[in-house]
Amino acid sequence: MAALLSAAGFAALSTGVLNVADDLVAVLALGAGTVQVGWLNAVSSAVFLVFSVPVGWWLDVVDRRRTLMATQALATLALLSVPVAWLFEVLTFGQLLVTSSLVGLAGMVWGLGISTLLPTVSGRDKAGSAFARLQGIETTAGLVAPGLTGLLIAVLAAPMALFFAAAFELFAGLSLIVGARRSAAEKSDTSPTARPKFWAGVAEGFHFVIKQRSILLLTCSSALINFSLALTSAVETVYWVHTLGFEPQVIGAIGVVIAGSALVGSLIADRLLLRFKDLNVSVCGAIVATVGAVALPIASYVPGFGWAFGWVMVHIVIWNAAMMSANSGVYGIVARATPDRLMGRVQSFRRLISRGALPIASILGGFLGEGLGVVPTLWIGVAVAGLGAVATVAVWWLVRKR
């Protein structure tokens, strides 16, 4: 378990460095404009939409740990190609685009692979708590990576930052190797007789998600909450700057509080899930998060910077901390209900359903902000988050009814 979490930490550091440095490599080293940067950012979303379901099926028919090792090797080599090409003055935007595609694909396999392997390593009864610890490690890496990347770019150059991203990917792979040598207990339940053909396997996973009402409702809940988050994020910066009058340094502080509250939330979720049922933690988390969401638009109605900033802080702390508990509880429920041989497909379908509409939500949020105004759009986001909480409560009611 420790090796898997260590690998996740190194992978999260690599992702954090890449998120900051990738666009800067395009702009500073290659002179890219907004259109090129837009294509660069669109690649990861396109990779996810196209490959998530096939990857979920693939993870159910292969050795998951070895697959993650291969994934880290691919990401390491792809990332290393950028600083090497830059040093030899042959780096092109096409190469950067291909690298982003490969790293995006590797990152998607890694994310699905970790979520598929985690219940086997931690035990299904402790999967929710293990997921909370995983989120805590990834959040910590998210706090460290931006500052580290800025320092690397200031001292060296933007392309060289990707050398360190590659090194973190390599360390992640080495951590998995060390873990594999220490324990041979994490065997996938995918014997040759359990390996369906692609379309039959995809259909089996889809039908399982649809027929399991608890998993389907929890997936819909996640989709609604993510839709709410994307809707709100589309107008959030405009809200802070133009409606509330926050300065850039205040917005920077908000980013730190977001990461810090998520970290605290993951620590709290770990303790809660060791004491209470996954479903109870998930329901309480979703309800509390919705209450916290209300504080964001309320900030526009109070006088003065101090009160507005205070309400924004209330929103950020409650929302992020509570969502950590809700997400960890949901993961625990899904891990308990899903056979190991279906875990990859179920997780891929859940991610596709819960995240597939995010681009639409972002665009819709922008149009609503222009047409209705920023504050009404935030209230719509609160309402959608409330619907997500209702779906989670419905699962609790179904379980109680049984």
Protein backbone atom coordinates (compact mmCIF):
# COMPACT_ATOMS: atom_id res chain seq x y z
CA MET A 1 0.00 0.00 0.00
CA ALA A 2 2.81 2.40 0.90
CA ALA A 3 4.53 1.75 -2.44
CA LEU A 4 1.34 2.47 -4.36
CA LEU A 5 0.74 5.73 -2.49
CA SER A 6 4.38 6.72 -2.99
CA ALA A 7 4.03 6.09 -6.72
CA ALA A 8 0.85 8.17 -6.78
CA GLY A 9 2.68 11.04 -5.06
CA PHE A 10 5.49 11.09 -7.60
CA ALA A 11 3.00 10.86 -10.49
CA ALA A 12 1.01 13.77 -9.03
CA LEU A 13 4.19 15.86 -8.78
CA SER A 14 4.90 15.14 -12.44
CA THR A 15 1.36 16.12 -13.42
CA GLY A 16 1.61 19.32 -11.39
CA VAL A 17 4.87 20.31 -13.07
CA LEU A 18 3.45 19.48 -16.50
CA ASN A 19 0.25 21.48 -15.93
CA VAL A 20 2.30 24.61 -15.32
CA ALA A 21 5.18 24.05 -17.73
CA ASP A 22 3.46 22.63 -20.82
CA ASP A 23 1.83 25.88 -21.95
CA LEU A 24 4.95 27.86 -21.00
CA VAL A 25 7.10 25.61 -23.19
CA ALA A 26 4.78 26.32 -26.10
CA VAL A 27 4.73 30.09 -25.50
CA LEU A 28 8.29 30.79 -24.31
CA ALA A 29 10.28 28.21 -26.27
CA LEU A 30 8.21 27.99 -29.46
CA GLY A 31 6.39 31.35 -29.57
CA ALA A 32 2.97 29.70 -29.73
CA GLY A 33 -0.19 31.81 -29.82
CA THR A 34 -3.60 31.33 -28.26
CA VAL A 35 -4.87 28.98 -30.99
CA GLN A 36 -1.91 26.63 -30.59
CA VAL A 37 -2.18 26.68 -26.80
CA GLY A 38 -5.89 25.91 -27.17
CA TRP A 39 -5.09 22.84 -29.26
CA LEU A 40 -2.50 21.78 -26.69
CA ASN A 41 -5.05 21.97 -23.89
CA ALA A 42 -7.75 20.22 -25.92
CA VAL A 43 -5.61 17.13 -26.49
CA SER A 44 -6.06 15.64 -23.00
CA SER A 45 -9.84 16.01 -23.12
CA ALA A 46 -9.98 14.39 -26.56
CA VAL A 47 -7.79 11.50 -25.39
CA PHE A 48 -10.06 10.92 -22.39
CA LEU A 49 -13.28 10.89 -24.41
CA VAL A 50 -11.89 8.56 -27.08
CA PHE A 51 -9.90 6.07 -25.01
CA SER A 52 -11.44 5.93 -21.53
CA VAL A 53 -13.81 3.02 -22.22
CA PRO A 54 -11.27 0.89 -24.17
CA VAL A 55 -8.70 1.48 -21.43
CA GLY A 56 -11.22 0.41 -18.77
CA TRP A 57 -11.78 -2.88 -20.62
CA TRP A 58 -8.02 -3.32 -21.11
CA LEU A 59 -7.33 -2.90 -17.38
CA ASP A 60 -9.74 -5.75 -16.67
CA VAL A 61 -7.83 -8.23 -18.87
CA VAL A 62 -4.18 -7.46 -18.07
CA ASP A 63 -1.88 -7.37 -15.05
CA ARG A 64 -2.72 -3.93 -13.70
CA ARG A 65 0.52 -3.31 -11.83
CA ARG A 66 2.66 -4.15 -14.85
CA THR A 67 0.42 -1.99 -17.01
CA LEU A 68 1.01 0.97 -14.71
CA MET A 69 4.76 0.35 -14.87
CA ALA A 70 4.61 0.39 -18.67
CA THR A 71 2.51 3.54 -18.52
CA GLN A 72 5.14 5.32 -16.42
CA ALA A 73 7.86 4.23 -18.84
CA LEU A 74 5.89 5.70 -21.76
CA ALA A 75 5.32 8.98 -19.91
CA THR A 76 8.98 9.20 -18.89
CA LEU A 77 10.28 8.75 -22.43
CA ALA A 78 7.71 11.13 -23.93
CA LEU A 79 8.52 13.88 -21.43
CA LEU A 80 12.29 13.40 -21.81
CA SER A 81 12.00 13.93 -25.56
CA VAL A 82 11.07 17.61 -25.07
CA PRO A 83 14.15 18.89 -23.18
CA VAL A 84 16.42 16.71 -25.34
CA ALA A 85 14.94 18.13 -28.56
CA TRP A 86 15.13 21.67 -27.13
CA LEU A 87 18.81 21.25 -26.21
CA PHE A 88 19.55 20.15 -29.80
CA GLU A 89 17.35 22.99 -31.14
CA VAL A 90 14.98 20.67 -33.02
CA LEU A 91 11.89 21.04 -30.82
CA THR A 92 8.69 21.75 -32.79
CA PHE A 93 5.09 22.39 -31.80
CA GLY A 94 4.11 19.14 -33.52
CA GLN A 95 6.41 17.20 -31.22
CA LEU A 96 5.01 19.02 -28.19
CA LEU A 97 1.48 18.15 -29.33
CA VAL A 98 2.36 14.47 -29.75
CA THR A 99 4.09 14.46 -26.37
CA SER A 100 1.03 15.98 -24.70
CA SER A 101 -1.16 13.35 -26.36
CA LEU A 102 1.02 10.48 -25.17
CA VAL A 103 1.36 11.88 -21.65
CA GLY A 104 -2.38 12.55 -21.54
CA LEU A 105 -3.06 8.95 -22.56
CA ALA A 106 -0.57 7.66 -19.98
CA GLY A 107 -2.14 9.87 -17.33
CA MET A 108 -5.60 8.54 -18.10
CA VAL A 109 -4.39 4.93 -17.90
CA TRP A 110 -2.61 5.78 -14.65
CA GLY A 111 -5.68 7.39 -13.08
CA LEU A 112 -7.99 4.53 -14.04
CA GLY A 113 -5.35 1.96 -13.13
CA ILE A 114 -4.81 3.36 -9.64
CA SER A 115 -8.55 3.49 -8.95
CA THR A 116 -8.89 -0.09 -10.23
CA LEU A 117 -5.92 -1.49 -8.30
CA LEU A 118 -6.47 0.34 -5.01
CA PRO A 119 -9.27 -1.89 -3.58
CA THR A 120 -7.16 -5.01 -4.23
CA VAL A 121 -4.18 -3.53 -2.39
CA SER A 122 -6.03 -1.91 0.53
CA GLY A 123 -8.87 -4.41 0.90
CA ARG A 124 -12.41 -3.56 -0.16
CA ASP A 125 -13.54 -2.72 3.37
CA LYS A 126 -10.89 0.00 3.58
CA ALA A 127 -11.03 1.23 -0.02
CA GLY A 128 -12.78 4.51 0.85
CA SER A 129 -10.21 5.35 3.52
CA ALA A 130 -7.36 4.43 1.17
CA PHE A 131 -8.86 6.66 -1.52
CA ALA A 132 -8.98 9.55 0.97
CA ARG A 133 -5.27 9.07 1.67
CA LEU A 134 -4.59 8.95 -2.06
CA GLN A 135 -6.43 12.26 -2.51
CA GLY A 136 -4.44 13.76 0.36
CA ILE A 137 -1.12 12.80 -1.24
CA GLU A 138 -2.19 14.13 -4.64
CA THR A 139 -3.40 17.37 -3.07
CA THR A 140 -0.09 17.83 -1.24
CA ALA A 141 1.74 17.36 -4.53
CA GLY A 142 -0.59 19.94 -6.06
CA LEU A 143 0.50 22.43 -3.40
CA VAL A 144 4.20 21.83 -4.00
CA ALA A 145 4.35 21.49 -7.80
CA PRO A 146 3.48 25.05 -8.96
CA GLY A 147 6.15 26.72 -6.82
CA LEU A 148 8.70 24.08 -7.74
CA THR A 149 7.93 24.51 -11.44
CA GLY A 150 8.24 28.29 -11.22
CA LEU A 151 11.65 27.91 -9.57
CA LEU A 152 12.83 25.43 -12.21
CA ILE A 153 11.75 27.72 -15.05
CA ALA A 154 13.39 30.75 -13.42
CA VAL A 155 16.70 28.95 -12.82
CA LEU A 156 16.80 26.82 -15.99
CA ALA A 157 14.19 27.09 -18.76
CA ALA A 158 10.63 25.95 -19.40
CA PRO A 159 11.59 22.85 -21.45
CA MET A 160 14.01 21.71 -18.74
CA ALA A 161 11.15 21.63 -16.23
CA LEU A 162 9.80 18.66 -18.21
CA PHE A 163 13.04 16.81 -17.46
CA PHE A 164 12.06 16.87 -13.79
CA ALA A 165 8.50 15.85 -14.67
CA ALA A 166 10.01 12.83 -16.45
CA ALA A 167 12.15 12.07 -13.40
CA PHE A 168 9.06 12.06 -11.16
CA GLU A 169 7.35 9.64 -13.57
CA LEU A 170 10.43 7.40 -13.40
CA PHE A 171 10.36 7.44 -9.59
CA ALA A 172 6.67 6.53 -9.70
CA GLY A 173 7.45 3.49 -11.84
CA LEU A 174 10.35 2.48 -9.58
CA SER A 175 8.06 2.71 -6.53
CA LEU A 176 5.69 0.24 -8.19
CA ILE A 177 8.57 -2.13 -8.90
CA VAL A 178 9.68 -1.99 -5.27
CA GLY A 179 6.13 -2.66 -4.13
CA ALA A 180 5.81 -5.63 -6.49
CA ARG A 181 8.96 -7.19 -5.06
CA ARG A 182 7.79 -6.73 -1.49
CA SER A 183 4.40 -8.32 -2.00
CA ALA A 184 2.88 -10.64 -4.56
CA ALA A 185 -0.56 -10.38 -2.99
CA GLU A 186 -2.09 -7.99 -5.48
CA LYS A 187 -3.17 -10.44 -8.15
CA SER A 188 -5.91 -9.42 -10.55
CA ASP A 189 -8.94 -11.70 -10.76
CA THR A 190 -8.66 -11.83 -14.54
CA SER A 191 -7.99 -15.44 -15.46
CA PRO A 192 -8.16 -16.32 -19.16
CA THR A 193 -11.77 -17.51 -18.79
CA ALA A 194 -12.70 -14.10 -17.37
CA ARG A 195 -11.41 -12.16 -20.37
CA PRO A 196 -14.31 -11.25 -22.65
CA LYS A 197 -13.91 -9.88 -26.13
CA PHE A 198 -13.89 -6.11 -26.42
CA TRP A 199 -17.50 -5.33 -27.34
CA ALA A 200 -18.91 -8.05 -25.10
CA GLY A 201 -16.75 -6.81 -22.25
CA VAL A 202 -17.77 -3.19 -22.77
CA ALA A 203 -21.44 -4.18 -22.84
CA GLU A 204 -21.02 -6.20 -19.65
CA GLY A 205 -19.51 -3.24 -17.81
CA PHE A 206 -22.16 -0.83 -19.09
CA HIS A 207 -25.02 -3.13 -18.10
CA PHE A 208 -23.52 -3.57 -14.63
CA VAL A 209 -23.46 0.20 -14.07
CA ILE A 210 -27.02 0.58 -15.36
CA LYS A 211 -28.47 -2.32 -13.37
CA GLN A 212 -26.79 -1.43 -10.07
CA ARG A 213 -29.10 1.42 -9.03
CA SER A 214 -26.82 2.59 -6.24
CA ILE A 215 -23.81 2.91 -8.57
CA LEU A 216 -25.93 4.55 -11.28
CA LEU A 217 -27.39 7.13 -8.87
CA LEU A 218 -23.97 7.87 -7.38
CA THR A 219 -22.56 8.30 -10.88
CA CYS A 220 -25.39 10.71 -11.74
CA SER A 221 -24.69 12.54 -8.49
CA SER A 222 -21.02 12.91 -9.43
CA ALA A 223 -22.00 14.10 -12.91
CA LEU A 224 -24.32 16.77 -11.49
CA ILE A 225 -21.76 18.00 -8.96
CA ASN A 226 -19.02 18.13 -11.62
CA PHE A 227 -21.43 19.96 -13.95
CA SER A 228 -22.09 22.45 -11.15
CA LEU A 229 -18.36 22.92 -10.57
CA ALA A 230 -17.65 23.52 -14.27
CA LEU A 231 -20.59 25.92 -14.54
CA THR A 232 -19.33 27.90 -11.55
CA SER A 233 -15.68 27.83 -12.64
CA ALA A 234 -16.61 29.45 -15.96
CA VAL A 235 -17.64 32.66 -14.19
CA GLU A 236 -15.73 32.42 -10.91
CA THR A 237 -12.72 34.53 -11.88
CA VAL A 238 -14.94 37.25 -13.35
CA TYR A 239 -16.99 37.15 -10.15
CA TRP A 240 -13.93 37.60 -7.94
CA VAL A 241 -12.41 40.39 -10.02
CA HIS A 242 -15.38 42.45 -11.23
CA THR A 243 -18.18 41.67 -8.76
CA LEU A 244 -16.21 41.38 -5.53
CA GLY A 245 -13.23 43.53 -6.55
CA PHE A 246 -10.53 41.09 -5.42
CA GLU A 247 -6.92 41.89 -6.34
CA PRO A 248 -4.69 39.27 -8.03
CA GLN A 249 -2.82 38.55 -4.78
CA VAL A 250 -6.13 37.79 -3.07
CA ILE A 251 -7.07 35.38 -5.85
CA GLY A 252 -3.66 33.74 -5.45
CA ALA A 253 -4.36 33.29 -1.73
CA ILE A 254 -7.71 31.71 -2.61
CA GLY A 255 -5.87 29.09 -4.66
CA VAL A 256 -3.71 28.20 -1.66
CA VAL A 257 -6.79 27.92 0.58
CA ILE A 258 -8.49 25.66 -1.97
CA ALA A 259 -5.59 23.22 -1.93
CA GLY A 260 -5.16 23.46 1.84
CA SER A 261 -8.82 22.83 2.60
CA ALA A 262 -8.84 19.85 0.22
CA LEU A 263 -5.84 18.42 2.06
CA VAL A 264 -7.51 18.87 5.44
CA GLY A 265 -10.69 17.35 4.00
CA SER A 266 -8.81 14.24 2.86
CA LEU A 267 -7.35 13.77 6.35
CA ILE A 268 -10.79 14.14 7.93
CA ALA A 269 -12.34 11.76 5.36
CA ASP A 270 -9.74 9.11 6.18
CA ARG A 271 -10.71 9.19 9.87
CA LEU A 272 -14.45 9.33 9.21
CA LEU A 273 -14.38 6.35 6.86
CA LEU A 274 -12.57 4.26 9.46
CA ARG A 275 -15.41 4.92 11.93
CA PHE A 276 -18.59 5.25 9.84
CA LYS A 277 -20.14 3.59 6.81
CA ASP A 278 -19.07 4.80 3.38
CA LEU A 279 -22.63 5.73 2.40
CA ASN A 280 -23.25 7.80 5.53
CA VAL A 281 -20.03 9.74 5.01
CA SER A 282 -20.86 10.29 1.34
CA VAL A 283 -24.39 11.56 2.03
CA CYS A 284 -23.25 13.92 4.79
CA GLY A 285 -20.41 15.18 2.63
CA ALA A 286 -22.69 15.94 -0.33
CA ILE A 287 -25.22 17.78 1.84
CA VAL A 288 -22.58 19.82 3.67
CA ALA A 289 -20.86 20.68 0.36
CA THR A 290 -24.15 22.01 -1.05
CA VAL A 291 -24.61 24.18 2.04
CA GLY A 292 -21.08 25.48 1.53
CA ALA A 293 -21.85 26.25 -2.13
CA VAL A 294 -24.54 28.72 -1.03
CA ALA A 295 -21.90 30.93 0.61
CA LEU A 296 -20.28 31.83 -2.73
CA PRO A 297 -23.13 33.88 -4.28
CA ILE A 298 -24.05 35.26 -0.82
CA ALA A 299 -20.69 37.05 -0.82
CA SER A 300 -22.03 39.45 -3.46
CA TYR A 301 -24.80 40.69 -1.13
CA VAL A 302 -22.67 41.67 1.88
CA PRO A 303 -21.00 45.08 2.25
CA GLY A 304 -17.23 45.54 2.24
CA PHE A 305 -14.23 43.47 1.25
CA GLY A 306 -13.86 41.77 4.64
CA TRP A 307 -17.34 40.25 4.71
CA ALA A 308 -17.18 39.22 1.05
CA PHE A 309 -13.79 37.58 1.51
CA GLY A 310 -15.05 35.82 4.62
CA TRP A 311 -18.04 34.30 2.82
CA VAL A 312 -15.78 33.16 -0.04
CA MET A 313 -13.48 31.48 2.49
CA VAL A 314 -16.48 29.75 4.10
CA HIS A 315 -17.49 28.45 0.69
CA ILE A 316 -14.02 27.22 -0.24
CA VAL A 317 -13.25 25.49 3.04
CA ILE A 318 -16.63 23.77 3.41
CA TRP A 319 -17.01 22.81 -0.25
CA ASN A 320 -13.53 21.33 -0.73
CA ALA A 321 -13.32 19.58 2.63
CA ALA A 322 -16.83 18.10 2.34
CA MET A 323 -16.36 16.97 -1.25
CA MET A 324 -13.27 15.02 -0.22
CA SER A 325 -15.43 13.02 2.20
CA ALA A 326 -18.24 12.62 -0.34
CA ASN A 327 -15.92 11.41 -3.12
CA SER A 328 -14.04 9.02 -0.84
CA GLY A 329 -17.31 7.55 0.44
CA VAL A 330 -18.60 7.06 -3.09
CA TYR A 331 -15.38 5.32 -4.09
CA GLY A 332 -15.70 2.96 -1.14
CA ILE A 333 -19.29 2.09 -2.06
CA VAL A 334 -18.38 1.38 -5.69
CA ALA A 335 -15.34 -0.69 -4.67
CA ARG A 336 -17.47 -2.87 -2.38
CA ALA A 337 -20.20 -3.43 -4.96
CA THR A 338 -18.02 -4.09 -8.02
CA PRO A 339 -16.32 -7.44 -8.74
CA ASP A 340 -12.58 -7.10 -9.35
CA ARG A 341 -12.94 -8.40 -12.90
CA LEU A 342 -15.27 -5.47 -13.74
CA MET A 343 -13.53 -2.73 -11.81
CA GLY A 344 -11.74 -1.16 -14.79
CA ARG A 345 -14.84 -0.98 -16.95
CA VAL A 346 -17.05 0.33 -14.15
CA GLN A 347 -14.56 3.05 -13.24
CA SER A 348 -14.15 4.07 -16.89
CA PHE A 349 -17.91 4.33 -17.44
CA ARG A 350 -18.33 6.29 -14.21
CA ARG A 351 -15.63 8.75 -15.27
CA LEU A 352 -17.02 9.08 -18.77
CA ILE A 353 -20.53 9.82 -17.48
CA SER A 354 -19.43 12.11 -14.65
CA ARG A 355 -16.90 14.10 -16.70
CA GLY A 356 -18.16 13.84 -20.26
CA ALA A 357 -20.38 16.91 -20.03
CA LEU A 358 -17.73 19.19 -18.48
CA PRO A 359 -16.85 21.01 -21.74
CA ILE A 360 -20.56 21.68 -22.33
CA ALA A 361 -20.98 22.95 -18.75
CA SER A 362 -18.03 25.30 -19.14
CA ILE A 363 -19.40 26.75 -22.38
CA LEU A 364 -22.92 26.98 -20.94
CA GLY A 365 -21.57 28.76 -17.85
CA GLY A 366 -19.93 31.37 -20.05
CA PHE A 367 -23.14 32.00 -21.99
CA LEU A 368 -25.24 32.15 -18.81
CA GLY A 369 -22.78 34.58 -17.28
CA GLU A 370 -23.13 36.86 -20.29
CA GLY A 371 -26.89 36.49 -20.62
CA LEU A 372 -28.20 36.24 -17.06
CA GLY A 373 -25.28 37.66 -15.12
CA VAL A 374 -22.55 36.15 -12.99
CA VAL A 375 -24.44 35.91 -9.68
CA PRO A 376 -27.55 34.18 -11.17
CA THR A 377 -25.21 31.70 -12.84
CA LEU A 378 -23.65 30.92 -9.46
CA TRP A 379 -27.12 30.28 -8.01
CA ILE A 380 -27.84 27.89 -10.88
CA GLY A 381 -24.62 26.10 -10.00
CA VAL A 382 -25.80 25.81 -6.38
CA ALA A 383 -29.11 24.33 -7.57
CA VAL A 384 -27.36 21.73 -9.75
CA ALA A 385 -25.09 20.78 -6.83
CA GLY A 386 -28.23 20.39 -4.71
CA LEU A 387 -29.64 17.94 -7.26
CA GLY A 388 -26.40 15.96 -6.95
CA ALA A 389 -26.86 15.81 -3.18
CA VAL A 390 -30.46 14.66 -3.67
CA ALA A 391 -29.23 11.77 -5.85
CA THR A 392 -26.82 10.72 -3.09
CA VAL A 393 -29.60 10.88 -0.48
CA ALA A 394 -31.73 8.71 -2.81
CA VAL A 395 -29.08 5.99 -2.60
CA TRP A 396 -29.19 6.18 1.19
CA TRP A 397 -33.01 5.87 1.06
CA LEU A 398 -32.82 2.85 -1.27
CA VAL A 399 -30.39 1.09 1.04
CA ARG A 400 -32.54 1.85 4.09
CA LYS A 401 -35.62 0.58 2.27
CA ARG A 402 -34.00 -2.80 1.72
